[in-house]
């Protein structure tokens, strides 16, 4: 099971998110990050994915790389993460959220290619 994003992303100039070839391109407003905030977002992504797919042993090991983009009062996060206990060891995660709130969405969580 994988989560998929909407066909367009209003914060990405309407170009959408849907292909690995676009995953780490710098779109409008995207900045590369790798810090504490991305670790929290990655933990959220892994937990939501693990619960929804019943891969309950899946745990986050590390954030390999990430990008952020301001969007609708929060941020889009594109992350490449390493996990244990899953069918694969590396995944691409696309998350939107507002830190300090309950407003979070996991748009995509797919094996890294």
PDB file of N, CA and C in Angstrom:
ATOM      1  N   UNK A   1       0.844  -1.174   0.000  1.00  0.00           N
ATOM      2  CA  UNK A   1       0.000   0.000   0.000  1.00  0.00           C
ATOM      3  C   UNK A   1       0.885   1.231   0.000  1.00  0.00           C
ATOM      4  N   UNK A   2       0.552   2.205  -0.792  1.00  0.00           N
ATOM      5  CA  UNK A   2       1.266   3.475  -0.751  1.00  0.00           C
ATOM      6  C   UNK A   2       0.255   4.599  -0.759  1.00  0.00           C
ATOM      7  N   UNK A   3       0.638   5.696  -0.154  1.00  0.00           N
ATOM      8  CA  UNK A   3      -0.196   6.870  -0.149  1.00  0.00           C
ATOM      9  C   UNK A   3       0.135   7.650  -1.400  1.00  0.00           C
ATOM     10  N   UNK A   4      -0.851   8.276  -1.979  1.00  0.00           N
ATOM     11  CA  UNK A   4      -0.569   9.091  -3.151  1.00  0.00           C
ATOM     12  C   UNK A   4      -1.076  10.494  -2.918  1.00  0.00           C
ATOM     13  N   UNK A   5      -0.413  11.419  -3.532  1.00  0.00           N
ATOM     14  CA  UNK A   5      -0.751  12.818  -3.356  1.00  0.00           C
ATOM     15  C   UNK A   5      -1.815  13.242  -4.356  1.00  0.00           C
ATOM     16  N   UNK A   6      -2.402  14.405  -4.101  1.00  0.00           N
ATOM     17  CA  UNK A   6      -3.339  14.929  -5.084  1.00  0.00           C
ATOM     18  C   UNK A   6      -2.623  15.199  -6.398  1.00  0.00           C
ATOM     19  N   UNK A   7      -3.375  15.287  -7.479  1.00  0.00           N
ATOM     20  CA  UNK A   7      -2.752  15.453  -8.787  1.00  0.00           C
ATOM     21  C   UNK A   7      -2.085  16.808  -8.949  1.00  0.00           C
ATOM     22  N   UNK A   8      -2.512  17.803  -8.177  1.00  0.00           N
ATOM     23  CA  UNK A   8      -1.832  19.091  -8.214  1.00  0.00           C
ATOM     24  C   UNK A   8      -1.598  19.575  -6.804  1.00  0.00           C
ATOM     25  N   UNK A   9      -0.585  20.387  -6.654  1.00  0.00           N
ATOM     26  CA  UNK A   9      -0.236  20.957  -5.369  1.00  0.00           C
ATOM     27  C   UNK A   9      -0.199  22.455  -5.579  1.00  0.00           C
ATOM     28  N   UNK A  10      -1.139  23.177  -4.974  1.00  0.00           N
ATOM     29  CA  UNK A  10      -1.250  24.611  -5.208  1.00  0.00           C
ATOM     30  C   UNK A  10       0.019  25.362  -4.816  1.00  0.00           C
ATOM     31  N   UNK A  11       0.803  24.813  -3.922  1.00  0.00           N
ATOM     32  CA  UNK A  11       2.030  25.476  -3.482  1.00  0.00           C
ATOM     33  C   UNK A  11       3.207  25.167  -4.389  1.00  0.00           C
ATOM     34  N   UNK A  12       3.028  24.276  -5.330  1.00  0.00           N
ATOM     35  CA  UNK A  12       4.109  23.879  -6.226  1.00  0.00           C
ATOM     36  C   UNK A  12       3.855  24.428  -7.625  1.00  0.00           C
ATOM     37  N   UNK A  13       3.121  25.527  -7.686  1.00  0.00           N
ATOM     38  CA  UNK A  13       2.828  26.134  -8.978  1.00  0.00           C
ATOM     39  C   UNK A  13       1.900  25.283  -9.825  1.00  0.00           C
ATOM     40  N   UNK A  14       1.132  24.370  -9.182  1.00  0.00           N
ATOM     41  CA  UNK A  14       0.201  23.531  -9.919  1.00  0.00           C
ATOM     42  C   UNK A  14       0.856  22.401 -10.671  1.00  0.00           C
ATOM     43  N   UNK A  15       2.150  22.207 -10.470  1.00  0.00           N
ATOM     44  CA  UNK A  15       2.837  21.173 -11.236  1.00  0.00           C
ATOM     45  C   UNK A  15       2.628  19.785 -10.660  1.00  0.00           C
ATOM     46  N   UNK A  16       2.159  19.711  -9.420  1.00  0.00           N
ATOM     47  CA  UNK A  16       1.826  18.418  -8.831  1.00  0.00           C
ATOM     48  C   UNK A  16       3.028  17.694  -8.279  1.00  0.00           C
ATOM     49  N   UNK A  17       2.745  16.569  -7.645  1.00  0.00           N
ATOM     50  CA  UNK A  17       3.773  15.702  -7.085  1.00  0.00           C
ATOM     51  C   UNK A  17       3.371  14.309  -7.469  1.00  0.00           C
ATOM     52  N   UNK A  18       4.187  13.616  -8.210  1.00  0.00           N
ATOM     53  CA  UNK A  18       3.726  12.307  -8.608  1.00  0.00           C
ATOM     54  C   UNK A  18       4.783  11.440  -9.234  1.00  0.00           C
ATOM     55  N   UNK A  19       5.974  11.944  -9.430  1.00  0.00           N
ATOM     56  CA  UNK A  19       6.971  11.105 -10.063  1.00  0.00           C
ATOM     57  C   UNK A  19       8.306  11.222  -9.380  1.00  0.00           C
ATOM     58  N   UNK A  20       9.022  10.126  -9.340  1.00  0.00           N
ATOM     59  CA  UNK A  20      10.319  10.141  -8.708  1.00  0.00           C
ATOM     60  C   UNK A  20      11.267  11.139  -9.382  1.00  0.00           C
ATOM     61  N   UNK A  21      11.048  11.396 -10.673  1.00  0.00           N
ATOM     62  CA  UNK A  21      11.934  12.322 -11.372  1.00  0.00           C
ATOM     63  C   UNK A  21      11.769  13.750 -10.872  1.00  0.00           C
ATOM     64  N   UNK A  22      10.682  14.062 -10.192  1.00  0.00           N
ATOM     65  CA  UNK A  22      10.454  15.409  -9.683  1.00  0.00           C
ATOM     66  C   UNK A  22      10.797  15.519  -8.203  1.00  0.00           C
ATOM     67  N   UNK A  23      11.040  14.393  -7.547  1.00  0.00           N
ATOM     68  CA  UNK A  23      11.094  14.390  -6.096  1.00  0.00           C
ATOM     69  C   UNK A  23      12.112  15.349  -5.499  1.00  0.00           C
ATOM     70  N   UNK A  24      13.301  15.431  -6.055  1.00  0.00           N
ATOM     71  CA  UNK A  24      14.297  16.310  -5.468  1.00  0.00           C
ATOM     72  C   UNK A  24      14.692  17.483  -6.357  1.00  0.00           C
ATOM     73  N   UNK A  25      13.830  17.836  -7.270  1.00  0.00           N
ATOM     74  CA  UNK A  25      14.063  19.054  -8.038  1.00  0.00           C
ATOM     75  C   UNK A  25      13.633  20.246  -7.192  1.00  0.00           C
ATOM     76  N   UNK A  26      14.367  21.343  -7.304  1.00  0.00           N
ATOM     77  CA  UNK A  26      13.975  22.555  -6.594  1.00  0.00           C
ATOM     78  C   UNK A  26      12.840  23.226  -7.355  1.00  0.00           C
ATOM     79  N   UNK A  27      11.637  23.122  -6.839  1.00  0.00           N
ATOM     80  CA  UNK A  27      10.496  23.831  -7.396  1.00  0.00           C
ATOM     81  C   UNK A  27      10.400  25.208  -6.752  1.00  0.00           C
ATOM     82  N   UNK A  28       9.336  25.958  -7.051  1.00  0.00           N
ATOM     83  CA  UNK A  28       9.172  27.290  -6.462  1.00  0.00           C
ATOM     84  C   UNK A  28       9.141  27.223  -4.938  1.00  0.00           C
ATOM     85  N   UNK A  29      10.045  27.934  -4.289  1.00  0.00           N
ATOM     86  CA  UNK A  29      10.037  28.033  -2.848  1.00  0.00           C
ATOM     87  C   UNK A  29      10.653  26.875  -2.092  1.00  0.00           C
ATOM     88  N   UNK A  30      11.163  25.860  -2.773  1.00  0.00           N
ATOM     89  CA  UNK A  30      11.725  24.693  -2.077  1.00  0.00           C
ATOM     90  C   UNK A  30      13.119  25.018  -1.585  1.00  0.00           C
ATOM     91  N   UNK A  31      13.426  24.599  -0.359  1.00  0.00           N
ATOM     92  CA  UNK A  31      14.757  24.751   0.210  1.00  0.00           C
ATOM     93  C   UNK A  31      15.209  23.432   0.812  1.00  0.00           C
ATOM     94  N   UNK A  32      16.459  23.098   0.661  1.00  0.00           N
ATOM     95  CA  UNK A  32      16.968  21.830   1.207  1.00  0.00           C
ATOM     96  C   UNK A  32      17.218  21.980   2.704  1.00  0.00           C
ATOM     97  N   UNK A  33      16.771  20.976   3.443  1.00  0.00           N
ATOM     98  CA  UNK A  33      16.914  20.997   4.893  1.00  0.00           C
ATOM     99  C   UNK A  33      17.266  19.616   5.388  1.00  0.00           C
ATOM    100  N   UNK A  34      17.898  19.548   6.541  1.00  0.00           N
ATOM    101  CA  UNK A  34      18.108  18.292   7.249  1.00  0.00           C
ATOM    102  C   UNK A  34      18.381  18.667   8.694  1.00  0.00           C
ATOM    103  N   UNK A  35      17.315  18.662   9.493  1.00  0.00           N
ATOM    104  CA  UNK A  35      17.457  19.080  10.875  1.00  0.00           C
ATOM    105  C   UNK A  35      16.413  18.444  11.761  1.00  0.00           C
ATOM    106  N   UNK A  36      16.282  18.973  12.986  1.00  0.00           N
ATOM    107  CA  UNK A  36      15.364  18.427  13.964  1.00  0.00           C
ATOM    108  C   UNK A  36      13.913  18.420  13.516  1.00  0.00           C
ATOM    109  N   UNK A  37      13.491  19.453  12.829  1.00  0.00           N
ATOM    110  CA  UNK A  37      12.114  19.535  12.350  1.00  0.00           C
ATOM    111  C   UNK A  37      11.810  18.387  11.391  1.00  0.00           C
ATOM    112  N   UNK A  38      12.724  18.104  10.491  1.00  0.00           N
ATOM    113  CA  UNK A  38      12.513  17.033   9.522  1.00  0.00           C
ATOM    114  C   UNK A  38      12.470  15.670  10.209  1.00  0.00           C
ATOM    115  N   UNK A  39      13.199  15.515  11.301  1.00  0.00           N
ATOM    116  CA  UNK A  39      13.159  14.269  12.063  1.00  0.00           C
ATOM    117  C   UNK A  39      11.767  14.041  12.651  1.00  0.00           C
ATOM    118  N   UNK A  40      11.146  15.082  13.198  1.00  0.00           N
ATOM    119  CA  UNK A  40       9.782  14.969  13.731  1.00  0.00           C
ATOM    120  C   UNK A  40       8.786  14.620  12.631  1.00  0.00           C
ATOM    121  N   UNK A  41       8.941  15.257  11.479  1.00  0.00           N
ATOM    122  CA  UNK A  41       8.048  14.991  10.353  1.00  0.00           C
ATOM    123  C   UNK A  41       8.227  13.553   9.864  1.00  0.00           C
ATOM    124  N   UNK A  42       9.467  13.092   9.795  1.00  0.00           N
ATOM    125  CA  UNK A  42       9.739  11.721   9.361  1.00  0.00           C
ATOM    126  C   UNK A  42       9.130  10.714  10.334  1.00  0.00           C
ATOM    127  N   UNK A  43       9.221  10.982  11.643  1.00  0.00           N
ATOM    128  CA  UNK A  43       8.616  10.093  12.638  1.00  0.00           C
ATOM    129  C   UNK A  43       7.100  10.020  12.446  1.00  0.00           C
ATOM    130  N   UNK A  44       6.476  11.157  12.183  1.00  0.00           N
ATOM    131  CA  UNK A  44       5.039  11.189  11.896  1.00  0.00           C
ATOM    132  C   UNK A  44       4.725  10.320  10.684  1.00  0.00           C
ATOM    133  N   UNK A  45       5.471  10.499   9.603  1.00  0.00           N
ATOM    134  CA  UNK A  45       5.216   9.751   8.367  1.00  0.00           C
ATOM    135  C   UNK A  45       5.329   8.249   8.590  1.00  0.00           C
ATOM    136  N   UNK A  46       6.381   7.821   9.278  1.00  0.00           N
ATOM    137  CA  UNK A  46       6.593   6.391   9.523  1.00  0.00           C
ATOM    138  C   UNK A  46       5.474   5.828  10.384  1.00  0.00           C
ATOM    139  N   UNK A  47       5.091   6.536  11.427  1.00  0.00           N
ATOM    140  CA  UNK A  47       4.024   6.035  12.311  1.00  0.00           C
ATOM    141  C   UNK A  47       2.689   5.907  11.591  1.00  0.00           C
ATOM    142  N   UNK A  48       2.333   6.909  10.827  1.00  0.00           N
ATOM    143  CA  UNK A  48       1.054   6.865  10.114  1.00  0.00           C
ATOM    144  C   UNK A  48       1.065   5.739   9.079  1.00  0.00           C
ATOM    145  N   UNK A  49       2.144   5.633   8.326  1.00  0.00           N
ATOM    146  CA  UNK A  49       2.246   4.571   7.328  1.00  0.00           C
ATOM    147  C   UNK A  49       2.220   3.196   7.990  1.00  0.00           C
ATOM    148  N   UNK A  50       2.986   3.021   9.051  1.00  0.00           N
ATOM    149  CA  UNK A  50       3.060   1.724   9.740  1.00  0.00           C
ATOM    150  C   UNK A  50       1.691   1.313  10.288  1.00  0.00           C
ATOM    151  N   UNK A  51       0.979   2.246  10.887  1.00  0.00           N
ATOM    152  CA  UNK A  51      -0.348   1.934  11.424  1.00  0.00           C
ATOM    153  C   UNK A  51      -1.343   1.589  10.321  1.00  0.00           C
ATOM    154  N   UNK A  52      -1.293   2.319   9.230  1.00  0.00           N
ATOM    155  CA  UNK A  52      -2.273   2.104   8.156  1.00  0.00           C
ATOM    156  C   UNK A  52      -2.000   0.836   7.353  1.00  0.00           C
ATOM    157  N   UNK A  53      -0.750   0.372   7.350  1.00  0.00           N
ATOM    158  CA  UNK A  53      -0.406  -0.832   6.588  1.00  0.00           C
ATOM    159  C   UNK A  53      -0.178  -2.039   7.490  1.00  0.00           C
ATOM    160  N   UNK A  54      -0.331  -1.848   8.787  1.00  0.00           N
ATOM    161  CA  UNK A  54      -0.122  -2.906   9.783  1.00  0.00           C
ATOM    162  C   UNK A  54       1.328  -3.414   9.812  1.00  0.00           C
ATOM    163  N   UNK A  55       2.259  -2.565   9.364  1.00  0.00           N
ATOM    164  CA  UNK A  55       3.697  -2.869   9.486  1.00  0.00           C
ATOM    165  C   UNK A  55       4.173  -2.266  10.803  1.00  0.00           C
ATOM    166  N   UNK A  56       3.643  -2.792  11.900  1.00  0.00           N
ATOM    167  CA  UNK A  56       3.813  -2.178  13.208  1.00  0.00           C
ATOM    168  C   UNK A  56       5.241  -2.210  13.745  1.00  0.00           C
ATOM    169  N   UNK A  57       6.106  -3.012  13.148  1.00  0.00           N
ATOM    170  CA  UNK A  57       7.495  -3.066  13.598  1.00  0.00           C
ATOM    171  C   UNK A  57       8.366  -2.018  12.907  1.00  0.00           C
ATOM    172  N   UNK A  58       7.807  -1.286  11.948  1.00  0.00           N
ATOM    173  CA  UNK A  58       8.572  -0.278  11.224  1.00  0.00           C
ATOM    174  C   UNK A  58       8.955   0.868  12.155  1.00  0.00           C
ATOM    175  N   UNK A  59      10.238   1.244  12.124  1.00  0.00           N
ATOM    176  CA  UNK A  59      10.746   2.351  12.922  1.00  0.00           C
ATOM    177  C   UNK A  59      11.704   3.193  12.092  1.00  0.00           C
ATOM    178  N   UNK A  60      11.706   4.475  12.364  1.00  0.00           N
ATOM    179  CA  UNK A  60      12.601   5.398  11.688  1.00  0.00           C
ATOM    180  C   UNK A  60      14.027   5.205  12.172  1.00  0.00           C
ATOM    181  N   UNK A  61      14.965   5.104  11.229  1.00  0.00           N
ATOM    182  CA  UNK A  61      16.392   5.084  11.561  1.00  0.00           C
ATOM    183  C   UNK A  61      17.012   6.455  11.366  1.00  0.00           C
ATOM    184  N   UNK A  62      16.775   7.050  10.171  1.00  0.00           N
ATOM    185  CA  UNK A  62      17.391   8.342   9.896  1.00  0.00           C
ATOM    186  C   UNK A  62      16.690   9.059   8.754  1.00  0.00           C
ATOM    187  N   UNK A  63      16.970  10.354   8.686  1.00  0.00           N
ATOM    188  CA  UNK A  63      16.543  11.174   7.555  1.00  0.00           C
ATOM    189  C   UNK A  63      17.779  11.371   6.695  1.00  0.00           C
ATOM    190  N   UNK A  64      17.720  10.883   5.468  1.00  0.00           N
ATOM    191  CA  UNK A  64      18.857  10.992   4.560  1.00  0.00           C
ATOM    192  C   UNK A  64      18.928  12.389   3.956  1.00  0.00           C
ATOM    193  N   UNK A  65      17.783  12.886   3.493  1.00  0.00           N
ATOM    194  CA  UNK A  65      17.732  14.233   2.924  1.00  0.00           C
ATOM    195  C   UNK A  65      16.307  14.735   2.984  1.00  0.00           C
ATOM    196  N   UNK A  66      16.168  16.038   2.824  1.00  0.00           N
ATOM    197  CA  UNK A  66      14.834  16.608   2.858  1.00  0.00           C
ATOM    198  C   UNK A  66      14.782  18.000   2.283  1.00  0.00           C
ATOM    199  N   UNK A  67      13.577  18.392   1.914  1.00  0.00           N
ATOM    200  CA  UNK A  67      13.305  19.729   1.406  1.00  0.00           C
ATOM    201  C   UNK A  67      12.039  20.235   2.077  1.00  0.00           C
ATOM    202  N   UNK A  68      11.951  21.547   2.251  1.00  0.00           N
ATOM    203  CA  UNK A  68      10.729  22.147   2.768  1.00  0.00           C
ATOM    204  C   UNK A  68      10.268  23.244   1.829  1.00  0.00           C
ATOM    205  N   UNK A  69       8.966  23.525   1.905  1.00  0.00           N
ATOM    206  CA  UNK A  69       8.373  24.576   1.091  1.00  0.00           C
ATOM    207  C   UNK A  69       7.179  25.144   1.855  1.00  0.00           C
ATOM    208  N   UNK A  70       7.125  26.471   2.080  1.00  0.00           N
ATOM    209  CA  UNK A  70       5.946  27.053   2.715  1.00  0.00           C
ATOM    210  C   UNK A  70       4.700  26.774   1.875  1.00  0.00           C
ATOM    211  N   UNK A  71       3.601  26.424   2.548  1.00  0.00           N
ATOM    212  CA  UNK A  71       2.374  26.092   1.825  1.00  0.00           C
ATOM    213  C   UNK A  71       1.158  26.207   2.738  1.00  0.00           C
ATOM    214  N   UNK A  72       0.201  27.019   2.381  1.00  0.00           N
ATOM    215  CA  UNK A  72      -1.091  27.110   3.070  1.00  0.00           C
ATOM    216  C   UNK A  72      -0.965  27.251   4.585  1.00  0.00           C
ATOM    217  N   UNK A  73      -0.087  28.108   5.064  1.00  0.00           N
ATOM    218  CA  UNK A  73       0.083  28.338   6.487  1.00  0.00           C
ATOM    219  C   UNK A  73       0.960  27.312   7.186  1.00  0.00           C
ATOM    220  N   UNK A  74       1.426  26.311   6.472  1.00  0.00           N
ATOM    221  CA  UNK A  74       2.308  25.280   7.022  1.00  0.00           C
ATOM    222  C   UNK A  74       3.462  25.068   6.069  1.00  0.00           C
ATOM    223  N   UNK A  75       3.942  23.825   6.036  1.00  0.00           N
ATOM    224  CA  UNK A  75       5.053  23.487   5.143  1.00  0.00           C
ATOM    225  C   UNK A  75       4.819  22.143   4.478  1.00  0.00           C
ATOM    226  N   UNK A  76       5.263  22.029   3.229  1.00  0.00           N
ATOM    227  CA  UNK A  76       5.411  20.734   2.569  1.00  0.00           C
ATOM    228  C   UNK A  76       6.803  20.221   2.930  1.00  0.00           C
ATOM    229  N   UNK A  77       6.899  18.926   3.158  1.00  0.00           N
ATOM    230  CA  UNK A  77       8.178  18.285   3.446  1.00  0.00           C
ATOM    231  C   UNK A  77       8.349  17.127   2.480  1.00  0.00           C
ATOM    232  N   UNK A  78       9.446  17.095   1.766  1.00  0.00           N
ATOM    233  CA  UNK A  78       9.822  15.955   0.922  1.00  0.00           C
ATOM    234  C   UNK A  78      11.068  15.351   1.547  1.00  0.00           C
ATOM    235  N   UNK A  79      10.958  14.112   1.987  1.00  0.00           N
ATOM    236  CA  UNK A  79      12.039  13.481   2.728  1.00  0.00           C
ATOM    237  C   UNK A  79      12.413  12.136   2.129  1.00  0.00           C
ATOM    238  N   UNK A  80      13.682  11.788   2.213  1.00  0.00           N
ATOM    239  CA  UNK A  80      14.144  10.425   1.957  1.00  0.00           C
ATOM    240  C   UNK A  80      14.584   9.909   3.317  1.00  0.00           C
ATOM    241  N   UNK A  81      13.987   8.777   3.740  1.00  0.00           N
ATOM    242  CA  UNK A  81      14.240   8.259   5.079  1.00  0.00           C
ATOM    243  C   UNK A  81      14.663   6.798   5.026  1.00  0.00           C
ATOM    244  N   UNK A  82      15.344   6.366   6.081  1.00  0.00           N
ATOM    245  CA  UNK A  82      15.736   4.973   6.246  1.00  0.00           C
ATOM    246  C   UNK A  82      14.964   4.417   7.440  1.00  0.00           C
ATOM    247  N   UNK A  83      14.422   3.192   7.269  1.00  0.00           N
ATOM    248  CA  UNK A  83      13.636   2.562   8.331  1.00  0.00           C
ATOM    249  C   UNK A  83      14.112   1.134   8.580  1.00  0.00           C
ATOM    250  N   UNK A  84      13.673   0.575   9.697  1.00  0.00           N
ATOM    251  CA  UNK A  84      13.833  -0.853   9.974  1.00  0.00           C
ATOM    252  C   UNK A  84      12.434  -1.432  10.129  1.00  0.00           C
ATOM    253  N   UNK A  85      12.322  -2.742   9.928  1.00  0.00           N
ATOM    254  CA  UNK A  85      11.053  -3.419  10.136  1.00  0.00           C
ATOM    255  C   UNK A  85      10.046  -3.271   9.017  1.00  0.00           C
ATOM    256  N   UNK A  86      10.436  -2.681   7.899  1.00  0.00           N
ATOM    257  CA  UNK A  86       9.536  -2.524   6.762  1.00  0.00           C
ATOM    258  C   UNK A  86       9.899  -3.485   5.645  1.00  0.00           C
ATOM    259  N   UNK A  87       9.098  -3.464   4.582  1.00  0.00           N
ATOM    260  CA  UNK A  87       9.387  -4.314   3.425  1.00  0.00           C
ATOM    261  C   UNK A  87      10.624  -3.824   2.680  1.00  0.00           C
ATOM    262  N   UNK A  88      10.881  -2.526   2.737  1.00  0.00           N
ATOM    263  CA  UNK A  88      12.068  -1.903   2.138  1.00  0.00           C
ATOM    264  C   UNK A  88      12.811  -1.153   3.238  1.00  0.00           C
ATOM    265  N   UNK A  89      13.993  -0.632   2.928  1.00  0.00           N
ATOM    266  CA  UNK A  89      14.750   0.107   3.939  1.00  0.00           C
ATOM    267  C   UNK A  89      14.739   1.610   3.717  1.00  0.00           C
ATOM    268  N   UNK A  90      14.501   2.072   2.471  1.00  0.00           N
ATOM    269  CA  UNK A  90      14.451   3.508   2.202  1.00  0.00           C
ATOM    270  C   UNK A  90      13.120   3.870   1.564  1.00  0.00           C
ATOM    271  N   UNK A  91      12.581   5.011   1.993  1.00  0.00           N
ATOM    272  CA  UNK A  91      11.298   5.485   1.480  1.00  0.00           C
ATOM    273  C   UNK A  91      11.369   6.975   1.191  1.00  0.00           C
ATOM    274  N   UNK A  92      10.536   7.416   0.244  1.00  0.00           N
ATOM    275  CA  UNK A  92      10.294   8.830  -0.019  1.00  0.00           C
ATOM    276  C   UNK A  92       8.983   9.173   0.680  1.00  0.00           C
ATOM    277  N   UNK A  93       8.988  10.229   1.471  1.00  0.00           N
ATOM    278  CA  UNK A  93       7.772  10.659   2.165  1.00  0.00           C
ATOM    279  C   UNK A  93       7.468  12.096   1.781  1.00  0.00           C
ATOM    280  N   UNK A  94       6.192  12.384   1.536  1.00  0.00           N
ATOM    281  CA  UNK A  94       5.740  13.735   1.230  1.00  0.00           C
ATOM    282  C   UNK A  94       4.648  14.067   2.231  1.00  0.00           C
ATOM    283  N   UNK A  95       4.907  15.076   3.069  1.00  0.00           N
ATOM    284  CA  UNK A  95       4.038  15.422   4.184  1.00  0.00           C
ATOM    285  C   UNK A  95       3.755  16.916   4.146  1.00  0.00           C
ATOM    286  N   UNK A  96       2.533  17.295   4.525  1.00  0.00           N
ATOM    287  CA  UNK A  96       2.192  18.701   4.766  1.00  0.00           C
ATOM    288  C   UNK A  96       1.801  18.844   6.218  1.00  0.00           C
ATOM    289  N   UNK A  97       2.213  19.934   6.868  1.00  0.00           N
ATOM    290  CA  UNK A  97       1.787  20.139   8.241  1.00  0.00           C
ATOM    291  C   UNK A  97       2.167  21.494   8.792  1.00  0.00           C
ATOM    292  N   UNK A  98       1.577  21.767   9.962  1.00  0.00           N
ATOM    293  CA  UNK A  98       1.863  22.987  10.708  1.00  0.00           C
ATOM    294  C   UNK A  98       2.431  22.559  12.058  1.00  0.00           C
ATOM    295  N   UNK A  99       3.691  22.869  12.314  1.00  0.00           N
ATOM    296  CA  UNK A  99       4.326  22.485  13.574  1.00  0.00           C
ATOM    297  C   UNK A  99       3.548  23.060  14.753  1.00  0.00           C
ATOM    298  N   UNK A 100       3.431  22.268  15.811  1.00  0.00           N
ATOM    299  CA  UNK A 100       2.739  22.707  17.011  1.00  0.00           C
ATOM    300  C   UNK A 100       1.230  22.564  16.958  1.00  0.00           C
ATOM    301  N   UNK A 101       0.721  21.934  15.888  1.00  0.00           N
ATOM    302  CA  UNK A 101      -0.723  21.744  15.751  1.00  0.00           C
ATOM    303  C   UNK A 101      -1.022  20.281  15.439  1.00  0.00           C
ATOM    304  N   UNK A 102      -2.299  19.964  15.305  1.00  0.00           N
ATOM    305  CA  UNK A 102      -2.735  18.627  14.905  1.00  0.00           C
ATOM    306  C   UNK A 102      -3.005  18.573  13.400  1.00  0.00           C
ATOM    307  N   UNK A 103      -2.649  19.610  12.676  1.00  0.00           N
ATOM    308  CA  UNK A 103      -2.902  19.693  11.232  1.00  0.00           C
ATOM    309  C   UNK A 103      -1.741  19.097  10.453  1.00  0.00           C
ATOM    310  N   UNK A 104      -1.864  17.796  10.114  1.00  0.00           N
ATOM    311  CA  UNK A 104      -0.824  17.083   9.383  1.00  0.00           C
ATOM    312  C   UNK A 104      -1.457  16.138   8.386  1.00  0.00           C
ATOM    313  N   UNK A 105      -0.817  15.974   7.230  1.00  0.00           N
ATOM    314  CA  UNK A 105      -1.285  15.042   6.201  1.00  0.00           C
ATOM    315  C   UNK A 105      -0.089  14.314   5.603  1.00  0.00           C
ATOM    316  N   UNK A 106      -0.206  13.007   5.512  1.00  0.00           N
ATOM    317  CA  UNK A 106       0.789  12.199   4.807  1.00  0.00           C
ATOM    318  C   UNK A 106       0.255  11.993   3.406  1.00  0.00           C
ATOM    319  N   UNK A 107       0.866  12.686   2.439  1.00  0.00           N
ATOM    320  CA  UNK A 107       0.398  12.596   1.047  1.00  0.00           C
ATOM    321  C   UNK A 107       0.986  11.397   0.331  1.00  0.00           C
ATOM    322  N   UNK A 108       2.224  11.054   0.627  1.00  0.00           N
ATOM    323  CA  UNK A 108       2.876   9.992  -0.123  1.00  0.00           C
ATOM    324  C   UNK A 108       3.943   9.329   0.738  1.00  0.00           C
ATOM    325  N   UNK A 109       4.029   7.999   0.624  1.00  0.00           N
ATOM    326  CA  UNK A 109       5.065   7.223   1.325  1.00  0.00           C
ATOM    327  C   UNK A 109       5.347   6.028   0.452  1.00  0.00           C
ATOM    328  N   UNK A 110       6.418   6.095  -0.322  1.00  0.00           N
ATOM    329  CA  UNK A 110       6.707   5.073  -1.321  1.00  0.00           C
ATOM    330  C   UNK A 110       8.165   4.623  -1.224  1.00  0.00           C
ATOM    331  N   UNK A 111       8.452   3.380  -1.619  1.00  0.00           N
ATOM    332  CA  UNK A 111       9.844   2.914  -1.612  1.00  0.00           C
ATOM    333  C   UNK A 111      10.728   3.826  -2.459  1.00  0.00           C
ATOM    334  N   UNK A 112      11.890   4.154  -1.948  1.00  0.00           N
ATOM    335  CA  UNK A 112      12.849   4.999  -2.663  1.00  0.00           C
ATOM    336  C   UNK A 112      13.466   4.195  -3.795  1.00  0.00           C
ATOM    337  N   UNK A 113      13.535   4.816  -4.954  1.00  0.00           N
ATOM    338  CA  UNK A 113      14.089   4.146  -6.132  1.00  0.00           C
ATOM    339  C   UNK A 113      15.451   4.713  -6.449  1.00  0.00           C
TER     340      UNK A 113
END
